[in-house]
Amino acid sequence: MPPNLLTFGTAPFGDPQRARLTAWLREAGWPRGHMEIAELEGYLVALISWPVDISSGAWLPRTWGLPGWKVPTKIAARSQYEEFVALIVGFMQDLDRRLSQQPSRFESSVLCGLREREHSETLHTWGRGFVTALTLGSQGLKGRSAVAGAAVHTIASITASSAPFRSRTVEDIVSAVRSLIEQRPSRGPLGPLG
């Protein structure tokens, strides 16, 4: 069953859970299109900061790379599935806490060390996750402010695979995400703003 994040409760997420999730996503046996940690962070940040109107849990299958609710063999056992969902939800809740703090203390755990050109692939992967989440909604830019539209455009253009790595790329992404947080009408899958 898809998780209902409004009734899920708090899932712990700290360094041990981040290490477990990162390592698990790097293991063999996942479907070809599954997300690794950088893509997953971009995806979750977009779901939180640019909420799309989708049913509860409909966003989750994209993380493991299969359409619909076909659960991959990698997490087919109930205990594996429950652990995986708890890690994903914990990661999403942790991102939301950091994004929601005033002033926002969001610093991407994935992008924070990216200061050099050789890390541009991670940046592009993060952006791919962000854009994937945006495609889940059918509203596009309708009902969004010009500021929110500009922030999305900034993220999409500087994380595109053809975009050159600049010294301020990470700072520009963080600034655009903060702009989206200030404009968001809800917390996406996590529900109404507190």
N, C-alpha and C. Protein backbone atom coordinates (compact mmCIF):
# COMPACT_ATOMS: atom_id res chain seq x y z
N MET A 1 0.84 -1.20 0.00
CA MET A 1 0.00 0.00 0.00
C MET A 1 0.87 1.25 0.00
N PRO A 2 0.46 2.27 -0.73
CA PRO A 2 1.22 3.52 -0.70
C PRO A 2 1.13 4.15 0.69
N PRO A 3 2.21 4.75 1.15
CA PRO A 3 2.17 5.38 2.46
C PRO A 3 1.36 6.67 2.44
N ASN A 4 0.57 6.88 3.46
CA ASN A 4 -0.14 8.15 3.63
C ASN A 4 0.71 8.97 4.58
N LEU A 5 1.41 9.95 4.07
CA LEU A 5 2.36 10.70 4.88
C LEU A 5 1.68 11.55 5.94
N LEU A 6 0.39 11.82 5.78
CA LEU A 6 -0.33 12.60 6.79
C LEU A 6 -0.56 11.78 8.05
N THR A 7 -0.51 10.46 7.94
CA THR A 7 -0.71 9.59 9.10
C THR A 7 0.52 8.74 9.41
N PHE A 8 1.61 8.96 8.70
CA PHE A 8 2.79 8.11 8.82
C PHE A 8 3.52 8.28 10.15
N GLY A 9 3.51 9.46 10.69
CA GLY A 9 4.29 9.72 11.90
C GLY A 9 5.69 10.17 11.54
N THR A 10 6.49 10.41 12.56
CA THR A 10 7.85 10.89 12.34
C THR A 10 8.79 9.71 12.17
N ALA A 11 9.58 9.75 11.13
CA ALA A 11 10.58 8.72 10.88
C ALA A 11 11.95 9.33 11.19
N PRO A 12 12.76 8.66 12.00
CA PRO A 12 14.08 9.22 12.31
C PRO A 12 14.95 9.27 11.06
N PHE A 13 15.74 10.33 10.96
CA PHE A 13 16.66 10.42 9.83
C PHE A 13 17.85 11.26 10.24
N GLY A 14 18.95 10.59 10.46
CA GLY A 14 20.22 11.23 10.80
C GLY A 14 21.32 10.61 9.98
N ASP A 15 22.54 10.75 10.43
CA ASP A 15 23.69 10.22 9.68
C ASP A 15 23.60 8.71 9.43
N PRO A 16 23.20 7.89 10.44
CA PRO A 16 23.13 6.45 10.16
C PRO A 16 22.10 6.11 9.09
N GLN A 17 20.94 6.77 9.12
CA GLN A 17 19.90 6.49 8.13
C GLN A 17 20.33 7.00 6.75
N ARG A 18 21.00 8.14 6.71
CA ARG A 18 21.48 8.68 5.42
C ARG A 18 22.52 7.72 4.82
N ALA A 19 23.43 7.23 5.65
CA ALA A 19 24.44 6.28 5.17
C ALA A 19 23.79 4.99 4.68
N ARG A 20 22.80 4.49 5.41
CA ARG A 20 22.10 3.26 5.01
C ARG A 20 21.40 3.45 3.68
N LEU A 21 20.64 4.55 3.54
CA LEU A 21 19.90 4.81 2.31
C LEU A 21 20.86 4.99 1.13
N THR A 22 21.91 5.76 1.33
CA THR A 22 22.89 6.00 0.25
C THR A 22 23.50 4.69 -0.22
N ALA A 23 23.94 3.86 0.73
CA ALA A 23 24.56 2.58 0.38
C ALA A 23 23.55 1.65 -0.29
N TRP A 24 22.34 1.60 0.22
CA TRP A 24 21.31 0.72 -0.32
C TRP A 24 21.00 1.07 -1.77
N LEU A 25 20.90 2.37 -2.05
CA LEU A 25 20.59 2.81 -3.40
C LEU A 25 21.73 2.55 -4.38
N ARG A 26 22.93 2.35 -3.88
CA ARG A 26 24.09 2.04 -4.74
C ARG A 26 24.22 0.55 -5.02
N GLU A 27 23.50 -0.27 -4.28
CA GLU A 27 23.61 -1.72 -4.45
C GLU A 27 23.06 -2.17 -5.81
N ALA A 28 23.53 -3.32 -6.24
CA ALA A 28 23.00 -3.94 -7.46
C ALA A 28 21.60 -4.49 -7.17
N GLY A 29 20.85 -4.72 -8.23
CA GLY A 29 19.55 -5.35 -8.10
C GLY A 29 18.35 -4.42 -8.20
N TRP A 30 18.61 -3.12 -8.31
CA TRP A 30 17.51 -2.17 -8.50
C TRP A 30 17.12 -2.13 -9.97
N PRO A 31 15.88 -1.75 -10.28
CA PRO A 31 15.53 -1.53 -11.69
C PRO A 31 16.42 -0.44 -12.28
N ARG A 32 16.54 -0.47 -13.56
CA ARG A 32 17.45 0.44 -14.28
C ARG A 32 17.22 1.92 -13.96
N GLY A 33 16.00 2.36 -13.86
CA GLY A 33 15.70 3.78 -13.67
C GLY A 33 15.58 4.24 -12.23
N HIS A 34 16.08 3.46 -11.27
CA HIS A 34 15.94 3.88 -9.87
C HIS A 34 16.80 5.11 -9.58
N MET A 35 16.47 5.80 -8.51
CA MET A 35 17.19 7.01 -8.13
C MET A 35 18.28 6.69 -7.12
N GLU A 36 19.43 7.31 -7.31
CA GLU A 36 20.46 7.28 -6.27
C GLU A 36 20.28 8.54 -5.44
N ILE A 37 21.10 8.72 -4.43
CA ILE A 37 20.85 9.74 -3.41
C ILE A 37 20.77 11.17 -3.95
N ALA A 38 21.60 11.55 -4.90
CA ALA A 38 21.57 12.91 -5.43
C ALA A 38 20.25 13.18 -6.16
N GLU A 39 19.86 12.25 -7.02
CA GLU A 39 18.61 12.41 -7.75
C GLU A 39 17.42 12.39 -6.80
N LEU A 40 17.48 11.53 -5.79
CA LEU A 40 16.41 11.44 -4.80
C LEU A 40 16.26 12.74 -4.03
N GLU A 41 17.37 13.35 -3.63
CA GLU A 41 17.27 14.61 -2.90
C GLU A 41 16.62 15.69 -3.76
N GLY A 42 17.05 15.81 -5.02
CA GLY A 42 16.43 16.80 -5.90
C GLY A 42 14.94 16.55 -6.06
N TYR A 43 14.57 15.29 -6.20
CA TYR A 43 13.17 14.89 -6.35
C TYR A 43 12.35 15.28 -5.12
N LEU A 44 12.85 14.93 -3.94
CA LEU A 44 12.12 15.23 -2.70
C LEU A 44 12.04 16.73 -2.43
N VAL A 45 13.12 17.45 -2.71
CA VAL A 45 13.10 18.90 -2.53
C VAL A 45 12.02 19.52 -3.41
N ALA A 46 11.91 19.06 -4.65
CA ALA A 46 10.88 19.61 -5.54
C ALA A 46 9.48 19.27 -5.04
N LEU A 47 9.28 18.04 -4.56
CA LEU A 47 7.95 17.67 -4.05
C LEU A 47 7.54 18.52 -2.85
N ILE A 48 8.51 18.91 -2.05
CA ILE A 48 8.23 19.72 -0.86
C ILE A 48 8.06 21.19 -1.23
N SER A 49 8.94 21.69 -2.10
CA SER A 49 8.95 23.12 -2.39
C SER A 49 8.05 23.54 -3.54
N TRP A 50 7.71 22.62 -4.42
CA TRP A 50 6.82 22.90 -5.55
C TRP A 50 5.75 21.82 -5.55
N PRO A 51 4.84 21.89 -4.59
CA PRO A 51 3.88 20.79 -4.43
C PRO A 51 3.06 20.54 -5.68
N VAL A 52 2.93 19.27 -6.03
CA VAL A 52 2.08 18.86 -7.16
C VAL A 52 0.89 18.11 -6.59
N ASP A 53 -0.20 18.19 -7.28
CA ASP A 53 -1.44 17.57 -6.82
C ASP A 53 -1.51 16.12 -7.32
N ILE A 54 -0.99 15.20 -6.50
CA ILE A 54 -1.04 13.78 -6.84
C ILE A 54 -1.54 13.02 -5.62
N SER A 55 -2.05 11.83 -5.86
CA SER A 55 -2.59 11.05 -4.75
C SER A 55 -1.48 10.60 -3.80
N SER A 56 -1.87 10.30 -2.59
CA SER A 56 -0.93 9.91 -1.55
C SER A 56 -0.06 8.73 -2.01
N GLY A 57 1.21 8.91 -1.93
CA GLY A 57 2.13 7.84 -2.28
C GLY A 57 2.41 7.67 -3.76
N ALA A 58 1.70 8.36 -4.63
CA ALA A 58 1.90 8.18 -6.07
C ALA A 58 3.28 8.62 -6.52
N TRP A 59 3.94 9.40 -5.72
CA TRP A 59 5.29 9.87 -6.03
C TRP A 59 6.35 8.80 -5.75
N LEU A 60 6.04 7.83 -4.90
CA LEU A 60 7.04 6.88 -4.43
C LEU A 60 7.60 5.94 -5.50
N PRO A 61 6.80 5.34 -6.39
CA PRO A 61 7.37 4.40 -7.37
C PRO A 61 8.47 4.99 -8.25
N ARG A 62 8.46 6.29 -8.47
CA ARG A 62 9.53 6.90 -9.27
C ARG A 62 10.89 6.69 -8.62
N THR A 63 10.92 6.59 -7.28
CA THR A 63 12.19 6.43 -6.59
C THR A 63 12.84 5.10 -6.90
N TRP A 64 12.03 4.06 -7.11
CA TRP A 64 12.63 2.76 -7.40
C TRP A 64 12.63 2.43 -8.88
N GLY A 65 12.07 3.29 -9.71
CA GLY A 65 12.24 3.17 -11.15
C GLY A 65 11.28 2.27 -11.89
N LEU A 66 10.17 1.90 -11.27
CA LEU A 66 9.17 1.11 -11.96
C LEU A 66 7.85 1.87 -11.99
N PRO A 67 7.10 1.74 -13.07
CA PRO A 67 5.81 2.43 -13.14
C PRO A 67 4.78 1.76 -12.25
N GLY A 68 3.79 2.53 -11.85
CA GLY A 68 2.70 1.98 -11.05
C GLY A 68 3.19 1.46 -9.72
N TRP A 69 2.48 0.49 -9.20
CA TRP A 69 2.84 -0.03 -7.89
C TRP A 69 3.49 -1.39 -7.95
N LYS A 70 4.23 -1.65 -9.01
CA LYS A 70 5.00 -2.88 -9.06
C LYS A 70 6.27 -2.64 -8.23
N VAL A 71 6.34 -3.32 -7.10
CA VAL A 71 7.47 -3.14 -6.20
C VAL A 71 8.62 -4.03 -6.68
N PRO A 72 9.83 -3.46 -6.80
CA PRO A 72 10.95 -4.26 -7.29
C PRO A 72 11.35 -5.37 -6.32
N THR A 73 11.94 -6.39 -6.85
CA THR A 73 12.40 -7.53 -6.06
C THR A 73 13.32 -7.08 -4.93
N LYS A 74 14.08 -6.04 -5.17
CA LYS A 74 15.05 -5.52 -4.19
C LYS A 74 14.39 -5.20 -2.85
N ILE A 75 13.13 -4.78 -2.88
CA ILE A 75 12.43 -4.43 -1.64
C ILE A 75 11.08 -5.15 -1.56
N ALA A 76 11.00 -6.33 -2.15
CA ALA A 76 9.73 -7.05 -2.21
C ALA A 76 9.30 -7.64 -0.87
N ALA A 77 10.24 -8.00 -0.03
CA ALA A 77 9.88 -8.52 1.29
C ALA A 77 9.29 -7.37 2.11
N ARG A 78 8.27 -7.67 2.87
CA ARG A 78 7.57 -6.63 3.64
C ARG A 78 8.52 -5.81 4.52
N SER A 79 9.45 -6.48 5.20
CA SER A 79 10.38 -5.76 6.08
C SER A 79 11.29 -4.82 5.28
N GLN A 80 11.73 -5.26 4.10
CA GLN A 80 12.56 -4.40 3.24
C GLN A 80 11.77 -3.20 2.76
N TYR A 81 10.55 -3.45 2.31
CA TYR A 81 9.70 -2.37 1.82
C TYR A 81 9.46 -1.34 2.92
N GLU A 82 9.11 -1.82 4.11
CA GLU A 82 8.83 -0.91 5.22
C GLU A 82 10.06 -0.11 5.62
N GLU A 83 11.23 -0.75 5.61
CA GLU A 83 12.46 -0.02 5.93
C GLU A 83 12.75 1.03 4.87
N PHE A 84 12.60 0.65 3.60
CA PHE A 84 12.85 1.58 2.50
C PHE A 84 11.92 2.79 2.59
N VAL A 85 10.64 2.54 2.78
CA VAL A 85 9.68 3.63 2.89
C VAL A 85 10.01 4.52 4.08
N ALA A 86 10.36 3.92 5.21
CA ALA A 86 10.71 4.71 6.40
C ALA A 86 11.93 5.59 6.13
N LEU A 87 12.91 5.08 5.40
CA LEU A 87 14.09 5.88 5.07
C LEU A 87 13.73 7.03 4.13
N ILE A 88 12.93 6.75 3.12
CA ILE A 88 12.53 7.79 2.16
C ILE A 88 11.71 8.87 2.87
N VAL A 89 10.75 8.43 3.68
CA VAL A 89 9.90 9.39 4.40
C VAL A 89 10.73 10.18 5.41
N GLY A 90 11.65 9.50 6.10
CA GLY A 90 12.53 10.20 7.03
C GLY A 90 13.37 11.25 6.34
N PHE A 91 13.88 10.91 5.15
CA PHE A 91 14.68 11.85 4.37
C PHE A 91 13.81 13.05 3.98
N MET A 92 12.60 12.78 3.51
CA MET A 92 11.69 13.86 3.12
C MET A 92 11.35 14.75 4.33
N GLN A 93 11.06 14.16 5.46
CA GLN A 93 10.74 14.94 6.66
C GLN A 93 11.94 15.77 7.12
N ASP A 94 13.14 15.19 7.03
CA ASP A 94 14.35 15.92 7.40
C ASP A 94 14.56 17.12 6.48
N LEU A 95 14.39 16.91 5.18
CA LEU A 95 14.51 18.02 4.23
C LEU A 95 13.47 19.10 4.53
N ASP A 96 12.24 18.68 4.82
CA ASP A 96 11.19 19.65 5.11
C ASP A 96 11.52 20.46 6.36
N ARG A 97 12.03 19.81 7.40
CA ARG A 97 12.40 20.55 8.62
C ARG A 97 13.45 21.61 8.31
N ARG A 98 14.46 21.23 7.54
CA ARG A 98 15.52 22.19 7.22
C ARG A 98 15.04 23.29 6.29
N LEU A 99 14.16 22.94 5.35
CA LEU A 99 13.62 23.94 4.44
C LEU A 99 12.66 24.90 5.14
N SER A 100 11.98 24.41 6.16
CA SER A 100 10.94 25.19 6.83
C SER A 100 11.46 26.11 7.94
N GLN A 101 12.68 25.89 8.39
CA GLN A 101 13.23 26.74 9.44
C GLN A 101 13.32 28.18 8.95
N GLN A 102 13.08 29.10 9.86
CA GLN A 102 13.18 30.52 9.53
C GLN A 102 14.34 31.14 10.27
N PRO A 103 15.31 31.72 9.64
CA PRO A 103 15.47 31.67 8.19
C PRO A 103 15.85 30.25 7.76
N SER A 104 15.56 29.93 6.52
CA SER A 104 15.80 28.59 6.01
C SER A 104 17.27 28.21 6.20
N ARG A 105 17.47 27.01 6.70
CA ARG A 105 18.83 26.50 6.89
C ARG A 105 19.11 25.38 5.91
N PHE A 106 18.42 25.41 4.79
CA PHE A 106 18.62 24.35 3.81
C PHE A 106 20.01 24.42 3.21
N GLU A 107 20.73 23.34 3.37
CA GLU A 107 21.99 23.14 2.68
C GLU A 107 21.95 21.71 2.20
N SER A 108 21.96 21.53 0.94
CA SER A 108 21.87 20.20 0.37
C SER A 108 23.01 19.32 0.86
N SER A 109 22.66 18.17 1.44
CA SER A 109 23.69 17.24 1.89
C SER A 109 24.45 16.65 0.70
N VAL A 110 23.83 16.65 -0.44
CA VAL A 110 24.44 16.09 -1.64
C VAL A 110 25.28 17.13 -2.37
N LEU A 111 24.78 18.34 -2.45
CA LEU A 111 25.45 19.37 -3.24
C LEU A 111 26.47 20.19 -2.46
N CYS A 112 26.46 20.11 -1.12
CA CYS A 112 27.28 21.01 -0.32
C CYS A 112 28.77 20.93 -0.64
N GLY A 113 29.28 19.79 -1.03
CA GLY A 113 30.70 19.67 -1.34
C GLY A 113 31.04 19.90 -2.80
N LEU A 114 30.05 20.26 -3.58
CA LEU A 114 30.29 20.41 -5.03
C LEU A 114 30.80 21.81 -5.34
N ARG A 115 32.08 21.96 -5.38
CA ARG A 115 32.66 23.26 -5.68
C ARG A 115 33.56 23.20 -6.91
N GLU A 116 33.71 22.02 -7.44
CA GLU A 116 34.63 21.87 -8.56
C GLU A 116 33.93 21.20 -9.74
N ARG A 117 34.47 21.43 -10.91
CA ARG A 117 33.89 20.92 -12.14
C ARG A 117 33.68 19.42 -12.18
N GLU A 118 34.55 18.65 -11.56
CA GLU A 118 34.43 17.20 -11.66
C GLU A 118 33.18 16.67 -10.99
N HIS A 119 32.52 17.50 -10.20
CA HIS A 119 31.29 17.08 -9.53
C HIS A 119 30.03 17.47 -10.30
N SER A 120 30.19 17.95 -11.51
CA SER A 120 29.03 18.44 -12.26
C SER A 120 28.01 17.34 -12.54
N GLU A 121 28.44 16.09 -12.66
CA GLU A 121 27.48 15.00 -12.91
C GLU A 121 26.50 14.85 -11.75
N THR A 122 26.98 15.01 -10.52
CA THR A 122 26.11 14.95 -9.35
C THR A 122 25.09 16.09 -9.40
N LEU A 123 25.55 17.25 -9.79
CA LEU A 123 24.67 18.41 -9.92
C LEU A 123 23.58 18.15 -10.96
N HIS A 124 23.96 17.60 -12.10
CA HIS A 124 22.99 17.30 -13.15
C HIS A 124 22.00 16.23 -12.69
N THR A 125 22.50 15.25 -11.95
CA THR A 125 21.63 14.19 -11.43
C THR A 125 20.61 14.76 -10.44
N TRP A 126 21.06 15.66 -9.57
CA TRP A 126 20.16 16.33 -8.62
C TRP A 126 19.06 17.07 -9.40
N GLY A 127 19.47 17.79 -10.41
CA GLY A 127 18.51 18.53 -11.24
C GLY A 127 17.53 17.62 -11.95
N ARG A 128 18.00 16.46 -12.40
CA ARG A 128 17.10 15.50 -13.05
C ARG A 128 16.01 15.05 -12.08
N GLY A 129 16.39 14.81 -10.84
CA GLY A 129 15.39 14.43 -9.83
C GLY A 129 14.40 15.56 -9.59
N PHE A 130 14.89 16.78 -9.51
CA PHE A 130 14.03 17.94 -9.29
C PHE A 130 13.01 18.07 -10.42
N VAL A 131 13.48 17.99 -11.65
CA VAL A 131 12.59 18.13 -12.81
C VAL A 131 11.62 16.96 -12.90
N THR A 132 12.05 15.77 -12.55
CA THR A 132 11.15 14.60 -12.56
C THR A 132 9.94 14.85 -11.67
N ALA A 133 10.16 15.42 -10.50
CA ALA A 133 9.04 15.72 -9.60
C ALA A 133 8.10 16.74 -10.21
N LEU A 134 8.64 17.73 -10.90
CA LEU A 134 7.80 18.76 -11.51
C LEU A 134 6.88 18.16 -12.57
N THR A 135 7.34 17.11 -13.24
CA THR A 135 6.54 16.51 -14.31
C THR A 135 5.36 15.69 -13.78
N LEU A 136 5.32 15.44 -12.48
CA LEU A 136 4.19 14.70 -11.90
C LEU A 136 2.92 15.53 -11.89
N GLY A 137 3.06 16.84 -11.92
CA GLY A 137 1.89 17.71 -11.89
C GLY A 137 1.47 18.12 -13.27
N SER A 138 0.19 18.34 -13.45
CA SER A 138 -0.31 18.75 -14.76
C SER A 138 -0.58 20.25 -14.84
N GLN A 139 -0.35 20.96 -13.74
CA GLN A 139 -0.66 22.39 -13.70
C GLN A 139 0.41 23.28 -14.32
N GLY A 140 1.62 22.78 -14.44
CA GLY A 140 2.69 23.61 -14.97
C GLY A 140 2.90 24.83 -14.10
N LEU A 141 3.01 25.99 -14.72
CA LEU A 141 3.23 27.22 -13.96
C LEU A 141 1.92 27.91 -13.58
N LYS A 142 0.78 27.30 -13.94
CA LYS A 142 -0.51 27.93 -13.62
C LYS A 142 -0.65 28.11 -12.11
N GLY A 143 -1.10 29.28 -11.72
CA GLY A 143 -1.34 29.55 -10.32
C GLY A 143 -0.07 29.80 -9.51
N ARG A 144 1.06 29.85 -10.15
CA ARG A 144 2.31 30.11 -9.44
C ARG A 144 2.75 31.53 -9.73
N SER A 145 3.44 32.10 -8.77
CA SER A 145 3.91 33.48 -8.93
C SER A 145 5.07 33.53 -9.92
N ALA A 146 5.36 34.74 -10.38
CA ALA A 146 6.49 34.94 -11.28
C ALA A 146 7.79 34.58 -10.57
N VAL A 147 7.86 34.84 -9.27
CA VAL A 147 9.07 34.52 -8.49
C VAL A 147 9.28 33.01 -8.47
N ALA A 148 8.21 32.26 -8.24
CA ALA A 148 8.32 30.80 -8.21
C ALA A 148 8.70 30.26 -9.59
N GLY A 149 8.10 30.80 -10.64
CA GLY A 149 8.44 30.39 -11.99
C GLY A 149 9.90 30.66 -12.32
N ALA A 150 10.38 31.83 -11.89
CA ALA A 150 11.78 32.18 -12.14
C ALA A 150 12.73 31.25 -11.37
N ALA A 151 12.35 30.88 -10.16
CA ALA A 151 13.18 29.97 -9.36
C ALA A 151 13.28 28.60 -10.02
N VAL A 152 12.16 28.08 -10.51
CA VAL A 152 12.16 26.79 -11.20
C VAL A 152 13.01 26.88 -12.47
N HIS A 153 12.86 27.95 -13.21
CA HIS A 153 13.65 28.13 -14.43
C HIS A 153 15.15 28.15 -14.10
N THR A 154 15.51 28.84 -13.03
CA THR A 154 16.92 28.90 -12.62
C THR A 154 17.46 27.50 -12.33
N ILE A 155 16.71 26.74 -11.52
CA ILE A 155 17.16 25.39 -11.17
C ILE A 155 17.28 24.52 -12.42
N ALA A 156 16.25 24.54 -13.25
CA ALA A 156 16.26 23.70 -14.46
C ALA A 156 17.41 24.07 -15.39
N SER A 157 17.67 25.35 -15.55
CA SER A 157 18.70 25.76 -16.51
C SER A 157 20.12 25.51 -15.99
N ILE A 158 20.36 25.68 -14.71
CA ILE A 158 21.74 25.50 -14.24
C ILE A 158 22.06 24.05 -13.86
N THR A 159 21.03 23.18 -13.81
CA THR A 159 21.30 21.77 -13.55
C THR A 159 21.14 20.91 -14.81
N ALA A 160 20.79 21.52 -15.92
CA ALA A 160 20.66 20.78 -17.18
C ALA A 160 22.00 20.15 -17.54
N SER A 161 21.94 19.02 -18.20
CA SER A 161 23.17 18.30 -18.53
C SER A 161 24.11 19.12 -19.43
N SER A 162 23.56 20.09 -20.15
CA SER A 162 24.39 20.92 -21.02
C SER A 162 24.92 22.17 -20.32
N ALA A 163 24.48 22.41 -19.08
CA ALA A 163 24.87 23.63 -18.38
C ALA A 163 26.31 23.52 -17.87
N PRO A 164 27.08 24.58 -18.03
CA PRO A 164 28.45 24.56 -17.50
C PRO A 164 28.42 24.74 -15.97
N PHE A 165 29.42 24.20 -15.31
CA PHE A 165 29.53 24.36 -13.86
C PHE A 165 30.16 25.72 -13.59
N ARG A 166 29.50 26.52 -12.75
CA ARG A 166 30.01 27.83 -12.38
C ARG A 166 30.31 27.83 -10.89
N SER A 167 31.11 28.77 -10.44
CA SER A 167 31.50 28.81 -9.03
C SER A 167 30.30 29.03 -8.11
N ARG A 168 29.25 29.69 -8.57
CA ARG A 168 28.09 29.98 -7.72
C ARG A 168 26.90 29.07 -7.99
N THR A 169 27.08 28.01 -8.72
CA THR A 169 25.96 27.14 -9.09
C THR A 169 25.20 26.63 -7.88
N VAL A 170 25.89 26.07 -6.91
CA VAL A 170 25.22 25.50 -5.74
C VAL A 170 24.49 26.59 -4.96
N GLU A 171 25.14 27.73 -4.76
CA GLU A 171 24.50 28.84 -4.05
C GLU A 171 23.24 29.32 -4.78
N ASP A 172 23.28 29.34 -6.11
CA ASP A 172 22.12 29.75 -6.90
C ASP A 172 20.96 28.76 -6.75
N ILE A 173 21.29 27.47 -6.71
CA ILE A 173 20.24 26.45 -6.51
C ILE A 173 19.60 26.62 -5.13
N VAL A 174 20.42 26.76 -4.11
CA VAL A 174 19.90 26.92 -2.74
C VAL A 174 19.03 28.17 -2.65
N SER A 175 19.46 29.25 -3.26
CA SER A 175 18.68 30.49 -3.24
C SER A 175 17.34 30.30 -3.96
N ALA A 176 17.34 29.60 -5.08
CA ALA A 176 16.10 29.36 -5.82
C ALA A 176 15.15 28.46 -5.01
N VAL A 177 15.70 27.44 -4.35
CA VAL A 177 14.87 26.58 -3.52
C VAL A 177 14.25 27.39 -2.38
N ARG A 178 15.02 28.25 -1.77
CA ARG A 178 14.49 29.11 -0.69
C ARG A 178 13.36 30.01 -1.21
N SER A 179 13.51 30.51 -2.43
CA SER A 179 12.44 31.33 -3.03
C SER A 179 11.17 30.50 -3.20
N LEU A 180 11.32 29.26 -3.63
CA LEU A 180 10.15 28.38 -3.78
C LEU A 180 9.48 28.10 -2.44
N ILE A 181 10.29 27.88 -1.42
CA ILE A 181 9.74 27.60 -0.09
C ILE A 181 8.89 28.77 0.39
N GLU A 182 9.33 29.98 0.12
CA GLU A 182 8.58 31.17 0.53
C GLU A 182 7.26 31.30 -0.24
N GLN A 183 7.16 30.67 -1.41
CA GLN A 183 5.99 30.79 -2.26
C GLN A 183 5.05 29.58 -2.18
N ARG A 184 5.48 28.50 -1.57
CA ARG A 184 4.71 27.25 -1.63
C ARG A 184 3.38 27.34 -0.90
N PRO A 185 2.34 26.73 -1.46
CA PRO A 185 1.02 26.75 -0.82
C PRO A 185 0.84 25.60 0.18
N SER A 186 1.69 24.56 0.10
CA SER A 186 1.61 23.43 1.03
C SER A 186 2.97 22.76 1.07
N ARG A 187 3.07 21.65 1.78
CA ARG A 187 4.31 20.90 1.85
C ARG A 187 4.24 19.66 0.98
N GLY A 188 3.46 19.72 -0.06
CA GLY A 188 3.36 18.59 -0.98
C GLY A 188 2.86 17.35 -0.27
N PRO A 189 3.53 16.22 -0.46
CA PRO A 189 3.07 14.96 0.15
C PRO A 189 2.98 15.02 1.67
N LEU A 190 3.70 15.96 2.29
CA LEU A 190 3.67 16.06 3.74
C LEU A 190 2.47 16.85 4.26
N GLY A 191 1.71 17.43 3.38
CA GLY A 191 0.45 18.07 3.79
C GLY A 191 0.51 19.57 3.95
N PRO A 192 -0.53 20.10 4.62
CA PRO A 192 -0.66 21.56 4.78
C PRO A 192 0.52 22.17 5.52
N LEU A 193 0.78 23.42 5.24
CA LEU A 193 1.82 24.14 5.98
C LEU A 193 1.40 24.24 7.44
N GLY A 194 2.36 24.02 8.34
CA GLY A 194 2.09 24.01 9.77
C GLY A 194 1.67 25.32 10.24
